[in-house]
Amino acid sequence: MNRREFIFVLGGAAVAWPLAVRAQQRALPVVGFLDAGSAGERRQQVAAVRKGLAEGGYQEGQNVALEFRWAEGQYGRFAELAADLVRRGVTVIVTPGSGTAALAAKAATATIPIVFGAASDPVKEGLVASLNRPGGNVTGVSFFSVELVAKRMQVLRELVPTAKRIAVLVNPTDPEGSQIPRDLEAAANGQRILVLEAATGRDIDAAFATMALEKPDALFVGPGTFFNTRRVQLAVLAARHALPAIYSVRAYPEAGGLMSYGTDIFDAFRQVGVYAARILKGAKPADMPVLQSTKFELVINLNTARALGLTVPAGLLALADEVIE
């Protein structure tokens, strides 16, 4: 081979190498991630899913790719975003923070596996046939945010035993939260319930303006991604109105809210990643039982309690998984 031929062959290899790399990247299985939030707000949750995938042997960029679709608080966008992931031909769709997103994905495809994280009962919602034998192309994790309403109400009563009127804030655009007022009425022990709705930041301001007039004794904030992304606004307004409030996840007391009781949400997201990894290895959703969260946590912000003039009972402090001071 003469020098000119050698240079030509070497140059051809240099061109072919990146093409081969790109072809290999295109061949990676793709996990479609559909969520009600936005990329900036959900970094920790995405990290938890990545951790679960890694536990199953999948590292992003090495042997799996992730493709994200964010609804940014607009639940009505789930259908178009799910359809977009189906057109993209992803290998599996994960909806770790919303059963409503999973329903949209299920409506978009009967063949691509779907792994959900759902706050409500996935059987009642029509996601799966049963918890033990889901059937179809859907399985996932139930993290009981809705079912824990009675327990949250009990904790709120322990901290504010004199509360006679409880305001409840729900998002009318989030189907998973629609049953909260009814469940609260059932869990009430003589307390009256004031239902307020909010689906935007302005709605939250308006709801607190109503509370200033109605003067409830405490506040129950329903679960859901939208409220989670507004946790600072909610915590600030609750403090401004001297209103004891309970929330569903630890991010609220970390942001200055009074307390939360609910599932360890990051562990639930991690479990979604673990299940997605199993499917990538060949497992069938129909044969994978719906996981039920077993890790729950009570978090109390003692500084906020003091600012509200509340004395946290010793028994409640003993039960707390974390006390923020």
C-alpha atoms as a PDB file:
ATOM      1  CA  MET A   1       0.000   0.000   0.000  1.00  0.00           C
ATOM      2  CA  ASN A   2       1.468   3.367  -1.020  1.00  0.00           C
ATOM      3  CA  ARG A   3       1.338   6.462   1.162  1.00  0.00           C
ATOM      4  CA  ARG A   4      -1.629   8.001  -0.697  1.00  0.00           C
ATOM      5  CA  GLU A   5      -3.674   4.809  -0.330  1.00  0.00           C
ATOM      6  CA  PHE A   6      -2.788   4.611   3.390  1.00  0.00           C
ATOM      7  CA  ILE A   7      -3.927   8.185   4.004  1.00  0.00           C
ATOM      8  CA  PHE A   8      -7.174   7.524   2.125  1.00  0.00           C
ATOM      9  CA  VAL A   9      -7.904   4.368   4.144  1.00  0.00           C
ATOM     10  CA  LEU A  10      -7.054   6.108   7.426  1.00  0.00           C
ATOM     11  CA  GLY A  11      -9.236   9.072   6.506  1.00  0.00           C
ATOM     12  CA  GLY A  12     -12.101   6.745   5.667  1.00  0.00           C
ATOM     13  CA  ALA A  13     -11.740   5.053   9.052  1.00  0.00           C
ATOM     14  CA  ALA A  14     -11.838   8.443  10.769  1.00  0.00           C
ATOM     15  CA  VAL A  15     -15.141   9.187   9.057  1.00  0.00           C
ATOM     16  CA  ALA A  16     -16.563   5.727   9.713  1.00  0.00           C
ATOM     17  CA  TRP A  17     -15.684   5.709  13.433  1.00  0.00           C
ATOM     18  CA  PRO A  18     -18.082   8.492  14.549  1.00  0.00           C
ATOM     19  CA  LEU A  19     -20.780   7.012  12.321  1.00  0.00           C
ATOM     20  CA  ALA A  20     -20.338   3.677  14.074  1.00  0.00           C
ATOM     21  CA  VAL A  21     -20.493   5.360  17.459  1.00  0.00           C
ATOM     22  CA  ARG A  22     -23.693   7.191  16.515  1.00  0.00           C
ATOM     23  CA  ALA A  23     -25.202   3.958  15.215  1.00  0.00           C
ATOM     24  CA  GLN A  24     -24.388   2.275  18.521  1.00  0.00           C
ATOM     25  CA  GLN A  25     -25.997   5.157  20.439  1.00  0.00           C
ATOM     26  CA  ARG A  26     -29.123   4.899  18.330  1.00  0.00           C
ATOM     27  CA  ALA A  27     -29.283   1.219  19.159  1.00  0.00           C
ATOM     28  CA  LEU A  28     -29.492   1.847  22.913  1.00  0.00           C
ATOM     29  CA  PRO A  29     -32.843   1.052  24.517  1.00  0.00           C
ATOM     30  CA  VAL A  30     -34.700   4.261  25.360  1.00  0.00           C
ATOM     31  CA  VAL A  31     -36.639   4.941  28.557  1.00  0.00           C
ATOM     32  CA  GLY A  32     -39.288   7.612  27.965  1.00  0.00           C
ATOM     33  CA  PHE A  33     -39.839   9.705  31.097  1.00  0.00           C
ATOM     34  CA  LEU A  34     -43.257  11.416  31.294  1.00  0.00           C
ATOM     35  CA  ASP A  35     -43.848  13.752  34.221  1.00  0.00           C
ATOM     36  CA  ALA A  36     -46.153  16.551  35.364  1.00  0.00           C
ATOM     37  CA  GLY A  37     -43.278  18.775  36.483  1.00  0.00           C
ATOM     38  CA  SER A  38     -40.304  20.364  34.754  1.00  0.00           C
ATOM     39  CA  ALA A  39     -36.653  19.423  34.430  1.00  0.00           C
ATOM     40  CA  GLY A  40     -35.413  22.058  36.862  1.00  0.00           C
ATOM     41  CA  GLU A  41     -37.898  21.077  39.573  1.00  0.00           C
ATOM     42  CA  ARG A  42     -37.480  17.331  39.338  1.00  0.00           C
ATOM     43  CA  ARG A  43     -33.719  16.790  39.390  1.00  0.00           C
ATOM     44  CA  GLN A  44     -33.789  14.726  42.592  1.00  0.00           C
ATOM     45  CA  GLN A  45     -36.657  12.564  41.336  1.00  0.00           C
ATOM     46  CA  VAL A  46     -34.860  11.931  38.038  1.00  0.00           C
ATOM     47  CA  ALA A  47     -31.724  11.014  40.010  1.00  0.00           C
ATOM     48  CA  ALA A  48     -33.785   8.491  42.000  1.00  0.00           C
ATOM     49  CA  VAL A  49     -35.040   6.822  38.792  1.00  0.00           C
ATOM     50  CA  ARG A  50     -31.475   6.740  37.443  1.00  0.00           C
ATOM     51  CA  LYS A  51     -30.386   5.104  40.705  1.00  0.00           C
ATOM     52  CA  GLY A  52     -32.997   2.381  40.266  1.00  0.00           C
ATOM     53  CA  LEU A  53     -31.916   1.791  36.674  1.00  0.00           C
ATOM     54  CA  ALA A  54     -28.295   1.560  37.841  1.00  0.00           C
ATOM     55  CA  GLU A  55     -29.239  -1.037  40.451  1.00  0.00           C
ATOM     56  CA  GLY A  56     -30.609  -3.080  37.566  1.00  0.00           C
ATOM     57  CA  GLY A  57     -27.404  -2.676  35.580  1.00  0.00           C
ATOM     58  CA  TYR A  58     -28.318   0.265  33.341  1.00  0.00           C
ATOM     59  CA  GLN A  59     -26.258   3.454  33.143  1.00  0.00           C
ATOM     60  CA  GLU A  60     -27.509   6.361  31.048  1.00  0.00           C
ATOM     61  CA  GLY A  61     -25.299   6.927  28.026  1.00  0.00           C
ATOM     62  CA  GLN A  62     -23.651   3.501  28.321  1.00  0.00           C
ATOM     63  CA  ASN A  63     -26.386   0.928  27.810  1.00  0.00           C
ATOM     64  CA  VAL A  64     -29.591   2.965  28.052  1.00  0.00           C
ATOM     65  CA  ALA A  65     -30.838   6.404  26.986  1.00  0.00           C
ATOM     66  CA  LEU A  66     -33.470   8.581  28.676  1.00  0.00           C
ATOM     67  CA  GLU A  67     -35.868  10.843  26.810  1.00  0.00           C
ATOM     68  CA  PHE A  68     -37.928  13.346  28.802  1.00  0.00           C
ATOM     69  CA  ARG A  69     -41.342  14.874  28.263  1.00  0.00           C
ATOM     70  CA  TRP A  70     -42.430  17.521  30.803  1.00  0.00           C
ATOM     71  CA  ALA A  71     -46.029  18.684  31.226  1.00  0.00           C
ATOM     72  CA  GLU A  72     -44.901  21.621  33.401  1.00  0.00           C
ATOM     73  CA  GLY A  73     -48.010  21.487  35.554  1.00  0.00           C
ATOM     74  CA  GLN A  74     -50.429  21.184  32.633  1.00  0.00           C
ATOM     75  CA  TYR A  75     -52.092  17.816  33.123  1.00  0.00           C
ATOM     76  CA  GLY A  76     -54.012  18.255  29.884  1.00  0.00           C
ATOM     77  CA  ARG A  77     -50.745  17.856  27.960  1.00  0.00           C
ATOM     78  CA  PHE A  78     -50.210  14.254  29.046  1.00  0.00           C
ATOM     79  CA  ALA A  79     -52.016  12.791  26.023  1.00  0.00           C
ATOM     80  CA  GLU A  80     -49.922  14.639  23.414  1.00  0.00           C
ATOM     81  CA  LEU A  81     -46.657  14.011  25.289  1.00  0.00           C
ATOM     82  CA  ALA A  82     -47.401  10.298  25.690  1.00  0.00           C
ATOM     83  CA  ALA A  83     -48.280  10.041  21.986  1.00  0.00           C
ATOM     84  CA  ASP A  84     -44.983  11.747  21.145  1.00  0.00           C
ATOM     85  CA  LEU A  85     -43.019   9.146  23.139  1.00  0.00           C
ATOM     86  CA  VAL A  86     -44.908   6.368  21.348  1.00  0.00           C
ATOM     87  CA  ARG A  87     -44.048   7.889  17.960  1.00  0.00           C
ATOM     88  CA  ARG A  88     -40.437   8.119  19.114  1.00  0.00           C
ATOM     89  CA  GLY A  89     -40.507   4.328  19.571  1.00  0.00           C
ATOM     90  CA  VAL A  90     -39.176   4.254  23.130  1.00  0.00           C
ATOM     91  CA  THR A  91     -38.554   0.865  24.725  1.00  0.00           C
ATOM     92  CA  VAL A  92     -40.422   1.566  27.967  1.00  0.00           C
ATOM     93  CA  ILE A  93     -42.350   4.555  29.358  1.00  0.00           C
ATOM     94  CA  VAL A  94     -42.028   5.548  33.016  1.00  0.00           C
ATOM     95  CA  THR A  95     -44.489   7.910  34.724  1.00  0.00           C
ATOM     96  CA  PRO A  96     -43.043   7.801  38.251  1.00  0.00           C
ATOM     97  CA  GLY A  97     -44.969  10.733  39.696  1.00  0.00           C
ATOM     98  CA  SER A  98     -48.484  10.417  38.311  1.00  0.00           C
ATOM     99  CA  GLY A  99     -51.095   7.761  37.712  1.00  0.00           C
ATOM    100  CA  THR A 100     -52.853  10.275  35.455  1.00  0.00           C
ATOM    101  CA  ALA A 101     -49.800  10.366  33.191  1.00  0.00           C
ATOM    102  CA  ALA A 102     -49.796   6.564  33.160  1.00  0.00           C
ATOM    103  CA  LEU A 103     -53.439   6.529  32.045  1.00  0.00           C
ATOM    104  CA  ALA A 104     -52.505   8.832  29.152  1.00  0.00           C
ATOM    105  CA  ALA A 105     -49.613   6.537  28.218  1.00  0.00           C
ATOM    106  CA  LYS A 106     -51.871   3.490  28.424  1.00  0.00           C
ATOM    107  CA  ALA A 107     -54.353   5.182  26.095  1.00  0.00           C
ATOM    108  CA  ALA A 108     -51.509   5.907  23.669  1.00  0.00           C
ATOM    109  CA  THR A 109     -50.093   2.366  23.477  1.00  0.00           C
ATOM    110  CA  ALA A 110     -51.102  -1.188  24.277  1.00  0.00           C
ATOM    111  CA  THR A 111     -47.678  -2.622  23.454  1.00  0.00           C
ATOM    112  CA  ILE A 112     -44.913  -0.435  24.916  1.00  0.00           C
ATOM    113  CA  PRO A 113     -44.386  -1.354  28.596  1.00  0.00           C
ATOM    114  CA  ILE A 114     -45.365   1.339  31.122  1.00  0.00           C
ATOM    115  CA  VAL A 115     -44.117   1.680  34.706  1.00  0.00           C
ATOM    116  CA  PHE A 116     -46.072   4.112  36.864  1.00  0.00           C
ATOM    117  CA  GLY A 117     -45.865   5.707  40.268  1.00  0.00           C
ATOM    118  CA  ALA A 118     -49.439   6.348  41.401  1.00  0.00           C
ATOM    119  CA  ALA A 119     -50.839   8.216  44.374  1.00  0.00           C
ATOM    120  CA  SER A 120     -54.263   6.611  44.021  1.00  0.00           C
ATOM    121  CA  ASP A 121     -55.502   3.020  43.752  1.00  0.00           C
ATOM    122  CA  PRO A 122     -54.230   1.749  40.359  1.00  0.00           C
ATOM    123  CA  VAL A 123     -56.989  -0.874  40.171  1.00  0.00           C
ATOM    124  CA  LYS A 124     -59.779   1.674  40.730  1.00  0.00           C
ATOM    125  CA  GLU A 125     -58.095   4.011  38.240  1.00  0.00           C
ATOM    126  CA  GLY A 126     -58.127   1.283  35.588  1.00  0.00           C
ATOM    127  CA  LEU A 127     -54.370   1.071  35.219  1.00  0.00           C
ATOM    128  CA  VAL A 128     -54.133  -2.627  36.112  1.00  0.00           C
ATOM    129  CA  ALA A 129     -56.503  -5.572  36.489  1.00  0.00           C
ATOM    130  CA  SER A 130     -55.167  -6.440  39.939  1.00  0.00           C
ATOM    131  CA  LEU A 131     -52.175  -5.637  42.123  1.00  0.00           C
ATOM    132  CA  ASN A 132     -50.753  -9.162  41.991  1.00  0.00           C
ATOM    133  CA  ARG A 133     -51.420  -9.839  38.304  1.00  0.00           C
ATOM    134  CA  PRO A 134     -51.547  -6.490  36.505  1.00  0.00           C
ATOM    135  CA  GLY A 135     -52.142  -7.937  33.031  1.00  0.00           C
ATOM    136  CA  GLY A 136     -51.581  -5.873  29.897  1.00  0.00           C
ATOM    137  CA  ASN A 137     -48.568  -3.618  29.449  1.00  0.00           C
ATOM    138  CA  VAL A 138     -48.708  -1.642  32.710  1.00  0.00           C
ATOM    139  CA  THR A 139     -47.261  -2.119  36.202  1.00  0.00           C
ATOM    140  CA  GLY A 140     -45.595   0.086  38.780  1.00  0.00           C
ATOM    141  CA  VAL A 141     -45.572   1.439  42.320  1.00  0.00           C
ATOM    142  CA  SER A 142     -48.462   2.638  44.478  1.00  0.00           C
ATOM    143  CA  PHE A 143     -47.311   5.170  47.055  1.00  0.00           C
ATOM    144  CA  PHE A 144     -50.583   5.791  48.895  1.00  0.00           C
ATOM    145  CA  SER A 145     -50.600   9.609  48.882  1.00  0.00           C
ATOM    146  CA  VAL A 146     -54.374   9.575  48.627  1.00  0.00           C
ATOM    147  CA  GLU A 147     -54.901   6.665  51.014  1.00  0.00           C
ATOM    148  CA  LEU A 148     -52.828   8.413  53.706  1.00  0.00           C
ATOM    149  CA  VAL A 149     -55.361  11.225  54.068  1.00  0.00           C
ATOM    150  CA  ALA A 150     -56.783   9.826  57.319  1.00  0.00           C
ATOM    151  CA  LYS A 151     -53.318   9.443  58.853  1.00  0.00           C
ATOM    152  CA  ARG A 152     -52.372  13.025  57.940  1.00  0.00           C
ATOM    153  CA  MET A 153     -55.598  14.255  59.477  1.00  0.00           C
ATOM    154  CA  GLN A 154     -54.800  12.348  62.664  1.00  0.00           C
ATOM    155  CA  VAL A 155     -51.313  13.883  62.875  1.00  0.00           C
ATOM    156  CA  LEU A 156     -52.742  17.369  62.295  1.00  0.00           C
ATOM    157  CA  ARG A 157     -55.257  16.838  65.119  1.00  0.00           C
ATOM    158  CA  GLU A 158     -52.474  15.750  67.470  1.00  0.00           C
ATOM    159  CA  LEU A 159     -50.506  18.918  66.797  1.00  0.00           C
ATOM    160  CA  VAL A 160     -53.509  21.277  66.718  1.00  0.00           C
ATOM    161  CA  PRO A 161     -56.143  19.579  68.925  1.00  0.00           C
ATOM    162  CA  THR A 162     -58.234  22.765  69.170  1.00  0.00           C
ATOM    163  CA  ALA A 163     -58.735  23.017  65.384  1.00  0.00           C
ATOM    164  CA  LYS A 164     -62.443  22.929  64.577  1.00  0.00           C
ATOM    165  CA  ARG A 165     -62.334  24.036  60.957  1.00  0.00           C
ATOM    166  CA  ILE A 166     -59.850  22.632  58.445  1.00  0.00           C
ATOM    167  CA  ALA A 167     -59.216  24.173  55.025  1.00  0.00           C
ATOM    168  CA  VAL A 168     -58.231  21.691  52.312  1.00  0.00           C
ATOM    169  CA  LEU A 169     -56.451  22.849  49.164  1.00  0.00           C
ATOM    170  CA  VAL A 170     -56.883  20.657  46.069  1.00  0.00           C
ATOM    171  CA  ASN A 171     -55.968  20.954  42.402  1.00  0.00           C
ATOM    172  CA  PRO A 172     -59.148  20.509  40.302  1.00  0.00           C
ATOM    173  CA  THR A 173     -57.110  19.610  37.197  1.00  0.00           C
ATOM    174  CA  ASP A 174     -55.435  16.651  38.932  1.00  0.00           C
ATOM    175  CA  PRO A 175     -57.804  13.647  38.915  1.00  0.00           C
ATOM    176  CA  GLU A 176     -55.756  11.880  41.585  1.00  0.00           C
ATOM    177  CA  GLY A 177     -56.593  14.600  44.098  1.00  0.00           C
ATOM    178  CA  SER A 178     -60.310  14.827  43.338  1.00  0.00           C
ATOM    179  CA  GLN A 179     -61.334  12.446  46.108  1.00  0.00           C
ATOM    180  CA  ILE A 180     -59.342  14.209  48.856  1.00  0.00           C
ATOM    181  CA  PRO A 181     -62.251  16.345  50.187  1.00  0.00           C
ATOM    182  CA  ARG A 182     -64.498  13.294  50.432  1.00  0.00           C
ATOM    183  CA  ASP A 183     -61.820  11.315  52.250  1.00  0.00           C
ATOM    184  CA  LEU A 184     -61.180  14.229  54.587  1.00  0.00           C
ATOM    185  CA  GLU A 185     -64.875  14.457  55.436  1.00  0.00           C
ATOM    186  CA  ALA A 186     -64.785  10.754  56.322  1.00  0.00           C
ATOM    187  CA  ALA A 187     -61.651  11.221  58.454  1.00  0.00           C
ATOM    188  CA  ALA A 188     -62.935  14.319  60.263  1.00  0.00           C
ATOM    189  CA  ASN A 189     -63.758  13.888  63.932  1.00  0.00           C
ATOM    190  CA  GLY A 190     -66.188  16.728  64.383  1.00  0.00           C
ATOM    191  CA  GLN A 191     -64.106  19.165  62.330  1.00  0.00           C
ATOM    192  CA  ARG A 192     -65.703  21.131  59.513  1.00  0.00           C
ATOM    193  CA  ILE A 193     -64.002  21.085  56.103  1.00  0.00           C
ATOM    194  CA  LEU A 194     -63.551  24.131  53.873  1.00  0.00           C
ATOM    195  CA  VAL A 195     -62.638  23.070  50.316  1.00  0.00           C
ATOM    196  CA  LEU A 196     -60.553  25.463  48.199  1.00  0.00           C
ATOM    197  CA  GLU A 197     -59.230  24.841  44.682  1.00  0.00           C
ATOM    198  CA  ALA A 198     -56.040  26.029  43.004  1.00  0.00           C
ATOM    199  CA  ALA A 199     -54.457  25.138  39.677  1.00  0.00           C
ATOM    200  CA  THR A 200     -52.153  28.173  39.237  1.00  0.00           C
ATOM    201  CA  GLY A 201     -49.967  30.361  41.402  1.00  0.00           C
ATOM    202  CA  ARG A 202     -52.632  33.094  41.306  1.00  0.00           C
ATOM    203  CA  ASP A 203     -55.238  30.555  42.422  1.00  0.00           C
ATOM    204  CA  ILE A 204     -53.088  29.789  45.474  1.00  0.00           C
ATOM    205  CA  ASP A 205     -52.924  33.493  46.346  1.00  0.00           C
ATOM    206  CA  ALA A 206     -56.699  33.729  45.940  1.00  0.00           C
ATOM    207  CA  ALA A 207     -57.246  30.659  48.128  1.00  0.00           C
ATOM    208  CA  PHE A 208     -55.220  32.204  50.950  1.00  0.00           C
ATOM    209  CA  ALA A 209     -57.156  35.458  50.559  1.00  0.00           C
ATOM    210  CA  THR A 210     -60.325  33.417  51.091  1.00  0.00           C
ATOM    211  CA  MET A 211     -58.771  31.761  54.128  1.00  0.00           C
ATOM    212  CA  ALA A 212     -57.984  35.188  55.568  1.00  0.00           C
ATOM    213  CA  LEU A 213     -61.721  35.904  55.478  1.00  0.00           C
ATOM    214  CA  GLU A 214     -62.946  32.446  56.505  1.00  0.00           C
ATOM    215  CA  LYS A 215     -60.321  32.007  59.244  1.00  0.00           C
ATOM    216  CA  PRO A 216     -59.867  28.200  59.327  1.00  0.00           C
ATOM    217  CA  ASP A 217     -57.810  26.787  62.203  1.00  0.00           C
ATOM    218  CA  ALA A 218     -55.486  24.649  60.065  1.00  0.00           C
ATOM    219  CA  LEU A 219     -54.698  23.745  56.458  1.00  0.00           C
ATOM    220  CA  PHE A 220     -54.467  20.397  54.670  1.00  0.00           C
ATOM    221  CA  VAL A 221     -52.640  20.642  51.317  1.00  0.00           C
ATOM    222  CA  GLY A 222     -53.516  17.836  48.916  1.00  0.00           C
ATOM    223  CA  PRO A 223     -50.807  15.805  47.185  1.00  0.00           C
ATOM    224  CA  GLY A 224     -49.716  16.406  43.619  1.00  0.00           C
ATOM    225  CA  THR A 225     -46.845  17.601  41.480  1.00  0.00           C
ATOM    226  CA  PHE A 226     -48.270  21.096  40.976  1.00  0.00           C
ATOM    227  CA  PHE A 227     -48.448  21.850  44.691  1.00  0.00           C
ATOM    228  CA  ASN A 228     -45.021  20.270  45.206  1.00  0.00           C
ATOM    229  CA  THR A 229     -43.526  22.711  42.713  1.00  0.00           C
ATOM    230  CA  ARG A 230     -45.238  25.578  44.598  1.00  0.00           C
ATOM    231  CA  ARG A 231     -44.062  24.445  48.032  1.00  0.00           C
ATOM    232  CA  VAL A 232     -42.144  27.655  48.822  1.00  0.00           C
ATOM    233  CA  GLN A 233     -45.153  29.812  47.958  1.00  0.00           C
ATOM    234  CA  LEU A 234     -47.407  27.597  50.084  1.00  0.00           C
ATOM    235  CA  ALA A 235     -45.028  27.569  53.048  1.00  0.00           C
ATOM    236  CA  VAL A 236     -44.566  31.357  52.938  1.00  0.00           C
ATOM    237  CA  LEU A 237     -48.300  32.050  52.718  1.00  0.00           C
ATOM    238  CA  ALA A 238     -49.116  29.596  55.513  1.00  0.00           C
ATOM    239  CA  ALA A 239     -46.548  31.340  57.730  1.00  0.00           C
ATOM    240  CA  ARG A 240     -47.830  34.801  56.772  1.00  0.00           C
ATOM    241  CA  HIS A 241     -51.370  33.796  57.730  1.00  0.00           C
ATOM    242  CA  ALA A 242     -50.166  31.964  60.876  1.00  0.00           C
ATOM    243  CA  LEU A 243     -51.876  28.823  59.615  1.00  0.00           C
ATOM    244  CA  PRO A 244     -50.667  25.378  60.770  1.00  0.00           C
ATOM    245  CA  ALA A 245     -50.466  23.166  57.680  1.00  0.00           C
ATOM    246  CA  ILE A 246     -49.712  19.545  56.844  1.00  0.00           C
ATOM    247  CA  TYR A 247     -48.359  18.350  53.501  1.00  0.00           C
ATOM    248  CA  SER A 248     -47.681  15.060  51.721  1.00  0.00           C
ATOM    249  CA  VAL A 249     -43.887  15.102  51.176  1.00  0.00           C
ATOM    250  CA  ARG A 250     -40.783  16.190  53.097  1.00  0.00           C
ATOM    251  CA  ALA A 251     -39.907  18.912  50.588  1.00  0.00           C
ATOM    252  CA  TYR A 252     -42.460  21.192  52.291  1.00  0.00           C
ATOM    253  CA  PRO A 253     -40.988  21.253  55.826  1.00  0.00           C
ATOM    254  CA  GLU A 254     -37.556  21.481  54.208  1.00  0.00           C
ATOM    255  CA  ALA A 255     -38.864  24.669  52.546  1.00  0.00           C
ATOM    256  CA  GLY A 256     -40.240  26.037  55.822  1.00  0.00           C
ATOM    257  CA  GLY A 257     -43.623  24.305  55.966  1.00  0.00           C
ATOM    258  CA  LEU A 258     -44.809  22.940  59.311  1.00  0.00           C
ATOM    259  CA  MET A 259     -44.868  19.185  58.734  1.00  0.00           C
ATOM    260  CA  SER A 260     -45.430  16.354  56.284  1.00  0.00           C
ATOM    261  CA  TYR A 261     -46.463  12.747  56.439  1.00  0.00           C
ATOM    262  CA  GLY A 262     -46.267  10.442  53.461  1.00  0.00           C
ATOM    263  CA  THR A 263     -44.329   8.013  51.352  1.00  0.00           C
ATOM    264  CA  ASP A 264     -40.574   8.303  50.980  1.00  0.00           C
ATOM    265  CA  ILE A 265     -41.093   9.631  47.462  1.00  0.00           C
ATOM    266  CA  PHE A 266     -37.495   9.216  46.333  1.00  0.00           C
ATOM    267  CA  ASP A 267     -37.575   5.536  47.249  1.00  0.00           C
ATOM    268  CA  ALA A 268     -40.776   5.150  45.211  1.00  0.00           C
ATOM    269  CA  PHE A 269     -39.111   6.783  42.190  1.00  0.00           C
ATOM    270  CA  ARG A 270     -36.102   4.507  42.661  1.00  0.00           C
ATOM    271  CA  GLN A 271     -38.408   1.483  42.602  1.00  0.00           C
ATOM    272  CA  VAL A 272     -39.861   2.679  39.291  1.00  0.00           C
ATOM    273  CA  GLY A 273     -36.313   2.689  37.899  1.00  0.00           C
ATOM    274  CA  VAL A 274     -35.695  -0.824  39.227  1.00  0.00           C
ATOM    275  CA  TYR A 275     -38.856  -2.090  37.516  1.00  0.00           C
ATOM    276  CA  ALA A 276     -37.912  -0.362  34.246  1.00  0.00           C
ATOM    277  CA  ALA A 277     -34.539  -2.130  34.354  1.00  0.00           C
ATOM    278  CA  ARG A 278     -36.246  -5.496  34.819  1.00  0.00           C
ATOM    279  CA  ILE A 279     -38.411  -4.826  31.774  1.00  0.00           C
ATOM    280  CA  LEU A 280     -35.354  -3.853  29.736  1.00  0.00           C
ATOM    281  CA  LYS A 281     -33.964  -7.277  30.631  1.00  0.00           C
ATOM    282  CA  GLY A 282     -37.082  -8.993  29.293  1.00  0.00           C
ATOM    283  CA  ALA A 283     -39.598  -9.099  32.149  1.00  0.00           C
ATOM    284  CA  LYS A 284     -43.265  -8.609  31.201  1.00  0.00           C
ATOM    285  CA  PRO A 285     -45.361  -5.977  33.014  1.00  0.00           C
ATOM    286  CA  ALA A 286     -48.335  -8.338  33.052  1.00  0.00           C
ATOM    287  CA  ASP A 287     -46.405 -10.689  35.364  1.00  0.00           C
ATOM    288  CA  MET A 288     -44.864  -8.031  37.645  1.00  0.00           C
ATOM    289  CA  PRO A 289     -46.950  -7.307  40.765  1.00  0.00           C
ATOM    290  CA  VAL A 290     -47.640  -3.670  41.573  1.00  0.00           C
ATOM    291  CA  LEU A 291     -45.251  -2.677  44.358  1.00  0.00           C
ATOM    292  CA  GLN A 292     -46.725  -0.994  47.415  1.00  0.00           C
ATOM    293  CA  SER A 293     -44.595   1.536  49.271  1.00  0.00           C
ATOM    294  CA  THR A 294     -43.613   0.468  52.764  1.00  0.00           C
ATOM    295  CA  LYS A 295     -41.426   3.463  53.692  1.00  0.00           C
ATOM    296  CA  PHE A 296     -43.362   6.358  55.214  1.00  0.00           C
ATOM    297  CA  GLU A 297     -41.956   9.373  57.000  1.00  0.00           C
ATOM    298  CA  LEU A 298     -43.115  12.084  59.360  1.00  0.00           C
ATOM    299  CA  VAL A 299     -41.057  15.285  59.116  1.00  0.00           C
ATOM    300  CA  ILE A 300     -41.611  18.231  61.477  1.00  0.00           C
ATOM    301  CA  ASN A 301     -40.109  21.700  61.183  1.00  0.00           C
ATOM    302  CA  LEU A 302     -39.689  22.695  64.831  1.00  0.00           C
ATOM    303  CA  ASN A 303     -38.695  26.258  63.972  1.00  0.00           C
ATOM    304  CA  THR A 304     -41.973  26.752  62.118  1.00  0.00           C
ATOM    305  CA  ALA A 305     -43.935  25.203  64.995  1.00  0.00           C
ATOM    306  CA  ARG A 306     -42.338  27.659  67.426  1.00  0.00           C
ATOM    307  CA  ALA A 307     -43.055  30.593  65.116  1.00  0.00           C
ATOM    308  CA  LEU A 308     -46.709  29.537  65.083  1.00  0.00           C
ATOM    309  CA  GLY A 309     -46.747  29.292  68.867  1.00  0.00           C
ATOM    310  CA  LEU A 310     -47.284  25.528  68.793  1.00  0.00           C
ATOM    311  CA  THR A 311     -45.846  23.036  71.250  1.00  0.00           C
ATOM    312  CA  VAL A 312     -45.185  19.727  69.518  1.00  0.00           C
ATOM    313  CA  PRO A 313     -46.292  16.859  71.800  1.00  0.00           C
ATOM    314  CA  ALA A 314     -43.452  14.616  72.962  1.00  0.00           C
ATOM    315  CA  GLY A 315     -45.205  11.584  71.513  1.00  0.00           C
ATOM    316  CA  LEU A 316     -45.346  13.177  68.063  1.00  0.00           C
ATOM    317  CA  LEU A 317     -41.694  14.174  68.243  1.00  0.00           C
ATOM    318  CA  ALA A 318     -40.800  10.592  69.158  1.00  0.00           C
ATOM    319  CA  LEU A 319     -42.611   9.338  66.046  1.00  0.00           C
ATOM    320  CA  ALA A 320     -40.935  11.834  63.716  1.00  0.00           C
ATOM    321  CA  ASP A 321     -38.400  10.470  61.236  1.00  0.00           C
ATOM    322  CA  GLU A 322     -36.793  13.905  61.077  1.00  0.00           C
ATOM    323  CA  VAL A 323     -37.091  17.078  63.134  1.00  0.00           C
ATOM    324  CA  ILE A 324     -35.812  20.215  61.424  1.00  0.00           C
ATOM    325  CA  GLU A 325     -34.388  22.869  63.770  1.00  0.00           C
END
